[in-house]
Amino acid sequence: ALQISLLAQVTVAQSVQRTHIIHPLKLEQVKVND
């Protein structure tokens, strides 16, 4: 049970700490016509 609990905590921690970095555009790369 303790192993399962620790595994669950690690899984939750990993999901919380997941990063997937994306990049917004620079202003000069976009022209709004809306």
All heavy atoms as atom14 arrays in JSON, in Angstrom:
{
  "sequence": "ALQISLLAQVTVAQSVQRTHIIHPLKLEQVKVND",
  "atom14_mask": [
    [1, 1, 1, 1, 1, 0, 0, 0, 0, 0, 0, 0, 0, 0],
    [1, 1, 1, 1, 1, 1, 1, 1, 0, 0, 0, 0, 0, 0],
    [1, 1, 1, 1, 1, 1, 1, 1, 1, 0, 0, 0, 0, 0],
    [1, 1, 1, 1, 1, 1, 1, 1, 0, 0, 0, 0, 0, 0],
    [1, 1, 1, 1, 1, 1, 0, 0, 0, 0, 0, 0, 0, 0],
    [1, 1, 1, 1, 1, 1, 1, 1, 0, 0, 0, 0, 0, 0],
    [1, 1, 1, 1, 1, 1, 1, 1, 0, 0, 0, 0, 0, 0],
    [1, 1, 1, 1, 1, 0, 0, 0, 0, 0, 0, 0, 0, 0],
    [1, 1, 1, 1, 1, 1, 1, 1, 1, 0, 0, 0, 0, 0],
    [1, 1, 1, 1, 1, 1, 1, 0, 0, 0, 0, 0, 0, 0],
    [1, 1, 1, 1, 1, 1, 1, 0, 0, 0, 0, 0, 0, 0],
    [1, 1, 1, 1, 1, 1, 1, 0, 0, 0, 0, 0, 0, 0],
    [1, 1, 1, 1, 1, 0, 0, 0, 0, 0, 0, 0, 0, 0],
    [1, 1, 1, 1, 1, 1, 1, 1, 1, 0, 0, 0, 0, 0],
    [1, 1, 1, 1, 1, 1, 0, 0, 0, 0, 0, 0, 0, 0],
    [1, 1, 1, 1, 1, 1, 1, 0, 0, 0, 0, 0, 0, 0],
    [1, 1, 1, 1, 1, 1, 1, 1, 1, 0, 0, 0, 0, 0],
    [1, 1, 1, 1, 1, 1, 1, 1, 1, 1, 1, 0, 0, 0],
    [1, 1, 1, 1, 1, 1, 1, 0, 0, 0, 0, 0, 0, 0],
    [1, 1, 1, 1, 1, 1, 1, 1, 1, 1, 0, 0, 0, 0],
    [1, 1, 1, 1, 1, 1, 1, 1, 0, 0, 0, 0, 0, 0],
    [1, 1, 1, 1, 1, 1, 1, 1, 0, 0, 0, 0, 0, 0],
    [1, 1, 1, 1, 1, 1, 1, 1, 1, 1, 0, 0, 0, 0],
    [1, 1, 1, 1, 1, 1, 1, 0, 0, 0, 0, 0, 0, 0],
    [1, 1, 1, 1, 1, 1, 1, 1, 0, 0, 0, 0, 0, 0],
    [1, 1, 1, 1, 1, 1, 1, 1, 1, 0, 0, 0, 0, 0],
    [1, 1, 1, 1, 1, 1, 1, 1, 0, 0, 0, 0, 0, 0],
    [1, 1, 1, 1, 1, 1, 1, 1, 1, 0, 0, 0, 0, 0],
    [1, 1, 1, 1, 1, 1, 1, 1, 1, 0, 0, 0, 0, 0],
    [1, 1, 1, 1, 1, 1, 1, 0, 0, 0, 0, 0, 0, 0],
    [1, 1, 1, 1, 1, 1, 1, 1, 1, 0, 0, 0, 0, 0],
    [1, 1, 1, 1, 1, 1, 1, 0, 0, 0, 0, 0, 0, 0],
    [1, 1, 1, 1, 1, 1, 1, 1, 0, 0, 0, 0, 0, 0],
    [1, 1, 1, 1, 1, 1, 1, 1, 0, 0, 0, 0, 0, 0]
  ],
  "atom14_positions": [
    [[0.83, -1.21, 0.0], [0.0, 0.0, 0.0], [0.86, 1.25, 0.0], [0.57, 2.24, -0.68], [-0.92, -0.01, 1.22], [0.0, 0.0, 0.0], [0.0, 0.0, 0.0], [0.0, 0.0, 0.0], [0.0, 0.0, 0.0], [0.0, 0.0, 0.0], [0.0, 0.0, 0.0], [0.0, 0.0, 0.0], [0.0, 0.0, 0.0], [0.0, 0.0, 0.0]],
    [[1.96, 1.19, 0.8], [2.85, 2.35, 0.85], [3.5, 2.6, -0.49], [3.61, 3.74, -0.94], [3.92, 2.11, 1.93], [4.94, 3.24, 2.15], [4.22, 4.52, 2.55], [5.96, 2.84, 3.2], [0.0, 0.0, 0.0], [0.0, 0.0, 0.0], [0.0, 0.0, 0.0], [0.0, 0.0, 0.0], [0.0, 0.0, 0.0], [0.0, 0.0, 0.0]],
    [[3.93, 1.49, -1.17], [4.52, 1.65, -2.49], [3.53, 2.24, -3.48], [3.87, 3.12, -4.27], [5.02, 0.28, -2.98], [6.24, -0.25, -2.24], [6.67, -1.61, -2.77], [6.36, -1.95, -3.92], [7.35, -2.38, -1.95], [0.0, 0.0, 0.0], [0.0, 0.0, 0.0], [0.0, 0.0, 0.0], [0.0, 0.0, 0.0], [0.0, 0.0, 0.0]],
    [[2.29, 1.74, -3.41], [1.26, 2.27, -4.31], [1.02, 3.74, -4.03], [0.91, 4.57, -4.94], [-0.05, 1.47, -4.15], [0.14, 0.04, -4.67], [-1.2, 2.16, -4.87], [-1.03, -0.87, -4.39], [0.0, 0.0, 0.0], [0.0, 0.0, 0.0], [0.0, 0.0, 0.0], [0.0, 0.0, 0.0], [0.0, 0.0, 0.0], [0.0, 0.0, 0.0]],
    [[0.97, 4.09, -2.72], [0.75, 5.49, -2.35], [1.89, 6.37, -2.85], [1.66, 7.45, -3.41], [0.63, 5.6, -0.83], [0.55, 6.94, -0.43], [0.0, 0.0, 0.0], [0.0, 0.0, 0.0], [0.0, 0.0, 0.0], [0.0, 0.0, 0.0], [0.0, 0.0, 0.0], [0.0, 0.0, 0.0], [0.0, 0.0, 0.0], [0.0, 0.0, 0.0]],
    [[3.13, 5.87, -2.63], [4.28, 6.66, -3.09], [4.28, 6.8, -4.6], [4.58, 7.87, -5.14], [5.58, 6.01, -2.62], [5.86, 6.08, -1.1], [7.08, 5.23, -0.76], [6.07, 7.52, -0.66], [0.0, 0.0, 0.0], [0.0, 0.0, 0.0], [0.0, 0.0, 0.0], [0.0, 0.0, 0.0], [0.0, 0.0, 0.0], [0.0, 0.0, 0.0]],
    [[3.92, 5.7, -5.3], [3.87, 5.74, -6.75], [2.83, 6.74, -7.23], [3.06, 7.51, -8.16], [3.55, 4.35, -7.31], [3.44, 4.23, -8.84], [4.78, 4.6, -9.49], [3.03, 2.82, -9.25], [0.0, 0.0, 0.0], [0.0, 0.0, 0.0], [0.0, 0.0, 0.0], [0.0, 0.0, 0.0], [0.0, 0.0, 0.0], [0.0, 0.0, 0.0]],
    [[1.68, 6.75, -6.53], [0.63, 7.69, -6.89], [1.09, 9.12, -6.68], [0.85, 10.01, -7.5], [-0.63, 7.42, -6.07], [0.0, 0.0, 0.0], [0.0, 0.0, 0.0], [0.0, 0.0, 0.0], [0.0, 0.0, 0.0], [0.0, 0.0, 0.0], [0.0, 0.0, 0.0], [0.0, 0.0, 0.0], [0.0, 0.0, 0.0], [0.0, 0.0, 0.0]],
    [[1.82, 9.34, -5.54], [2.32, 10.69, -5.26], [3.31, 11.13, -6.33], [3.31, 12.27, -6.78], [2.96, 10.73, -3.88], [1.97, 10.57, -2.73], [2.66, 10.53, -1.38], [3.72, 11.14, -1.21], [2.08, 9.82, -0.44], [0.0, 0.0, 0.0], [0.0, 0.0, 0.0], [0.0, 0.0, 0.0], [0.0, 0.0, 0.0], [0.0, 0.0, 0.0]],
    [[4.2, 10.19, -6.72], [5.19, 10.51, -7.75], [4.49, 10.83, -9.06], [4.84, 11.78, -9.77], [6.18, 9.34, -7.93], [7.04, 9.55, -9.16], [7.07, 9.21, -6.69], [0.0, 0.0, 0.0], [0.0, 0.0, 0.0], [0.0, 0.0, 0.0], [0.0, 0.0, 0.0], [0.0, 0.0, 0.0], [0.0, 0.0, 0.0], [0.0, 0.0, 0.0]],
    [[3.46, 10.01, -9.39], [2.72, 10.24, -10.64], [2.06, 11.6, -10.65], [2.14, 12.35, -11.62], [1.66, 9.14, -10.84], [2.31, 7.88, -10.86], [0.91, 9.35, -12.14], [0.0, 0.0, 0.0], [0.0, 0.0, 0.0], [0.0, 0.0, 0.0], [0.0, 0.0, 0.0], [0.0, 0.0, 0.0], [0.0, 0.0, 0.0], [0.0, 0.0, 0.0]],
    [[1.42, 11.94, -9.5], [0.78, 13.26, -9.41], [1.82, 14.36, -9.52], [1.66, 15.35, -10.24], [0.0, 13.39, -8.08], [-0.44, 14.83, -7.87], [-1.2, 12.44, -8.08], [0.0, 0.0, 0.0], [0.0, 0.0, 0.0], [0.0, 0.0, 0.0], [0.0, 0.0, 0.0], [0.0, 0.0, 0.0], [0.0, 0.0, 0.0], [0.0, 0.0, 0.0]],
    [[2.95, 14.18, -8.8], [4.0, 15.2, -8.84], [4.53, 15.37, -10.24], [4.76, 16.49, -10.7], [5.13, 14.81, -7.89], [0.0, 0.0, 0.0], [0.0, 0.0, 0.0], [0.0, 0.0, 0.0], [0.0, 0.0, 0.0], [0.0, 0.0, 0.0], [0.0, 0.0, 0.0], [0.0, 0.0, 0.0], [0.0, 0.0, 0.0], [0.0, 0.0, 0.0]],
    [[4.73, 14.24, -10.95], [5.25, 14.33, -12.31], [4.25, 15.04, -13.22], [4.64, 15.84, -14.08], [5.55, 12.93, -12.83], [6.8, 12.31, -12.21], [7.01, 10.88, -12.66], [6.11, 10.23, -13.17], [8.22, 10.37, -12.45], [0.0, 0.0, 0.0], [0.0, 0.0, 0.0], [0.0, 0.0, 0.0], [0.0, 0.0, 0.0], [0.0, 0.0, 0.0]],
    [[2.96, 14.76, -13.03], [1.96, 15.4, -13.9], [1.9, 16.9, -13.62], [1.74, 17.7, -14.53], [0.59, 14.76, -13.69], [0.11, 15.02, -12.38], [0.0, 0.0, 0.0], [0.0, 0.0, 0.0], [0.0, 0.0, 0.0], [0.0, 0.0, 0.0], [0.0, 0.0, 0.0], [0.0, 0.0, 0.0], [0.0, 0.0, 0.0], [0.0, 0.0, 0.0]],
    [[2.06, 17.26, -12.33], [2.04, 18.68, -11.97], [3.28, 19.38, -12.53], [3.22, 20.51, -12.98], [1.96, 18.83, -10.44], [2.27, 20.26, -10.03], [0.58, 18.43, -9.94], [0.0, 0.0, 0.0], [0.0, 0.0, 0.0], [0.0, 0.0, 0.0], [0.0, 0.0, 0.0], [0.0, 0.0, 0.0], [0.0, 0.0, 0.0], [0.0, 0.0, 0.0]],
    [[4.41, 18.68, -12.51], [5.67, 19.3, -12.9], [5.97, 19.16, -14.39], [7.04, 19.56, -14.84], [6.8, 18.69, -12.06], [6.66, 19.02, -10.58], [7.54, 18.18, -9.69], [8.4, 17.45, -10.17], [7.33, 18.25, -8.38], [0.0, 0.0, 0.0], [0.0, 0.0, 0.0], [0.0, 0.0, 0.0], [0.0, 0.0, 0.0], [0.0, 0.0, 0.0]],
    [[5.04, 18.6, -15.14], [5.25, 18.44, -16.58], [5.4, 19.81, -17.24], [4.66, 20.74, -16.93], [4.04, 17.72, -17.2], [4.1, 17.59, -18.71], [2.78, 17.07, -19.25], [1.7, 18.01, -19.07], [1.42, 18.98, -19.93], [2.17, 19.17, -21.0], [0.4, 19.8, -19.72], [0.0, 0.0, 0.0], [0.0, 0.0, 0.0], [0.0, 0.0, 0.0]],
    [[6.37, 19.91, -18.11], [6.49, 21.13, -18.92], [6.51, 20.75, -20.39], [7.02, 19.69, -20.77], [7.77, 21.92, -18.58], [8.91, 21.1, -18.84], [7.78, 22.36, -17.13], [0.0, 0.0, 0.0], [0.0, 0.0, 0.0], [0.0, 0.0, 0.0], [0.0, 0.0, 0.0], [0.0, 0.0, 0.0], [0.0, 0.0, 0.0], [0.0, 0.0, 0.0]],
    [[5.93, 21.6, -21.18], [5.98, 21.47, -22.64], [5.98, 22.89, -23.17], [4.94, 23.51, -23.36], [4.76, 20.69, -23.15], [4.75, 20.52, -24.64], [3.99, 19.58, -25.28], [5.41, 21.18, -25.65], [4.17, 19.65, -26.59], [5.03, 20.64, -26.82], [0.0, 0.0, 0.0], [0.0, 0.0, 0.0], [0.0, 0.0, 0.0], [0.0, 0.0, 0.0]],
    [[7.17, 23.41, -23.36], [7.31, 24.83, -23.65], [7.0, 25.11, -25.12], [7.53, 24.45, -26.02], [8.72, 25.32, -23.29], [8.9, 25.22, -21.76], [8.95, 26.75, -23.76], [10.29, 25.56, -21.28], [0.0, 0.0, 0.0], [0.0, 0.0, 0.0], [0.0, 0.0, 0.0], [0.0, 0.0, 0.0], [0.0, 0.0, 0.0], [0.0, 0.0, 0.0]],
    [[6.13, 26.09, -25.31], [5.84, 26.59, -26.65], [6.15, 28.08, -26.69], [6.33, 28.72, -25.65], [4.37, 26.32, -27.06], [3.39, 26.99, -26.09], [4.11, 24.82, -27.14], [1.93, 26.83, -26.48], [0.0, 0.0, 0.0], [0.0, 0.0, 0.0], [0.0, 0.0, 0.0], [0.0, 0.0, 0.0], [0.0, 0.0, 0.0], [0.0, 0.0, 0.0]],
    [[6.2, 28.64, -27.88], [6.68, 30.01, -28.03], [5.61, 30.87, -28.7], [5.18, 30.58, -29.82], [7.96, 30.03, -28.88], [8.99, 29.04, -28.43], [9.77, 29.24, -27.31], [9.35, 27.83, -28.92], [10.58, 28.21, -27.14], [10.34, 27.33, -28.1], [0.0, 0.0, 0.0], [0.0, 0.0, 0.0], [0.0, 0.0, 0.0], [0.0, 0.0, 0.0]],
    [[5.19, 31.95, -28.04], [4.3, 32.89, -28.71], [5.08, 33.64, -29.78], [6.31, 33.6, -29.83], [3.87, 33.83, -27.58], [4.98, 33.76, -26.58], [5.53, 32.36, -26.67], [0.0, 0.0, 0.0], [0.0, 0.0, 0.0], [0.0, 0.0, 0.0], [0.0, 0.0, 0.0], [0.0, 0.0, 0.0], [0.0, 0.0, 0.0], [0.0, 0.0, 0.0]],
    [[4.36, 34.33, -30.65], [5.03, 35.03, -31.75], [5.46, 36.43, -31.33], [4.94, 37.01, -30.38], [4.08, 35.13, -32.95], [3.61, 33.82, -33.57], [2.94, 34.09, -34.91], [4.74, 32.83, -33.76], [0.0, 0.0, 0.0], [0.0, 0.0, 0.0], [0.0, 0.0, 0.0], [0.0, 0.0, 0.0], [0.0, 0.0, 0.0], [0.0, 0.0, 0.0]],
    [[6.43, 36.95, -32.05], [6.79, 38.35, -31.89], [5.73, 39.21, -32.58], [5.08, 38.77, -33.53], [8.16, 38.61, -32.51], [9.29, 37.82, -31.86], [10.6, 38.04, -32.59], [11.72, 37.22, -31.97], [13.0, 37.38, -32.7], [0.0, 0.0, 0.0], [0.0, 0.0, 0.0], [0.0, 0.0, 0.0], [0.0, 0.0, 0.0], [0.0, 0.0, 0.0]],
    [[5.58, 40.43, -32.11], [4.52, 41.29, -32.64], [4.68, 41.53, -34.14], [3.69, 41.59, -34.88], [4.5, 42.62, -31.9], [4.03, 42.54, -30.44], [4.17, 43.9, -29.77], [2.59, 42.05, -30.34], [0.0, 0.0, 0.0], [0.0, 0.0, 0.0], [0.0, 0.0, 0.0], [0.0, 0.0, 0.0], [0.0, 0.0, 0.0], [0.0, 0.0, 0.0]],
    [[5.92, 41.62, -34.6], [6.14, 41.89, -36.02], [5.78, 40.69, -36.89], [5.72, 40.82, -38.13], [7.58, 42.32, -36.27], [8.63, 41.3, -35.89], [9.17, 41.51, -34.49], [8.45, 42.07, -33.64], [10.32, 41.09, -34.25], [0.0, 0.0, 0.0], [0.0, 0.0, 0.0], [0.0, 0.0, 0.0], [0.0, 0.0, 0.0], [0.0, 0.0, 0.0]],
    [[5.53, 39.54, -36.29], [5.18, 38.34, -37.06], [3.68, 38.19, -37.27], [3.25, 37.26, -37.94], [5.72, 37.09, -36.35], [7.25, 37.03, -36.3], [7.76, 35.91, -35.42], [7.19, 35.6, -34.38], [8.85, 35.28, -35.84], [0.0, 0.0, 0.0], [0.0, 0.0, 0.0], [0.0, 0.0, 0.0], [0.0, 0.0, 0.0], [0.0, 0.0, 0.0]],
    [[2.89, 39.11, -36.7], [1.43, 38.99, -36.77], [0.82, 40.33, -37.17], [1.24, 41.38, -36.68], [0.83, 38.57, -35.41], [-0.66, 38.28, -35.54], [1.55, 37.36, -34.85], [0.0, 0.0, 0.0], [0.0, 0.0, 0.0], [0.0, 0.0, 0.0], [0.0, 0.0, 0.0], [0.0, 0.0, 0.0], [0.0, 0.0, 0.0], [0.0, 0.0, 0.0]],
    [[-0.16, 40.27, -38.02], [-0.92, 41.46, -38.38], [-2.4, 41.15, -38.18], [-2.95, 40.24, -38.8], [-0.67, 41.85, -39.85], [-1.39, 43.11, -40.28], [-0.85, 44.34, -39.56], [-1.51, 45.62, -40.06], [-1.03, 46.81, -39.31], [0.0, 0.0, 0.0], [0.0, 0.0, 0.0], [0.0, 0.0, 0.0], [0.0, 0.0, 0.0], [0.0, 0.0, 0.0]],
    [[-3.04, 41.89, -37.28], [-4.45, 41.66, -36.99], [-5.32, 42.37, -38.0], [-5.13, 43.55, -38.3], [-4.79, 42.14, -35.56], [-6.29, 42.08, -35.3], [-4.04, 41.31, -34.53], [0.0, 0.0, 0.0], [0.0, 0.0, 0.0], [0.0, 0.0, 0.0], [0.0, 0.0, 0.0], [0.0, 0.0, 0.0], [0.0, 0.0, 0.0], [0.0, 0.0, 0.0]],
    [[-6.26, 41.64, -38.54], [-7.28, 42.2, -39.44], [-8.59, 41.5, -39.09], [-8.98, 40.52, -39.71], [-6.91, 41.96, -40.9], [-7.9, 42.57, -41.86], [-8.72, 43.4, -41.47], [-7.87, 42.15, -43.12], [0.0, 0.0, 0.0], [0.0, 0.0, 0.0], [0.0, 0.0, 0.0], [0.0, 0.0, 0.0], [0.0, 0.0, 0.0], [0.0, 0.0, 0.0]],
    [[-9.25, 42.03, -38.07], [-10.35, 41.32, -37.44], [-11.56, 42.23, -37.27], [-11.42, 43.39, -36.86], [-9.89, 40.79, -36.08], [-10.94, 39.95, -35.39], [-11.1, 38.78, -35.77], [-11.6, 40.48, -34.47], [0.0, 0.0, 0.0], [0.0, 0.0, 0.0], [0.0, 0.0, 0.0], [0.0, 0.0, 0.0], [0.0, 0.0, 0.0], [0.0, 0.0, 0.0]]
  ]
}
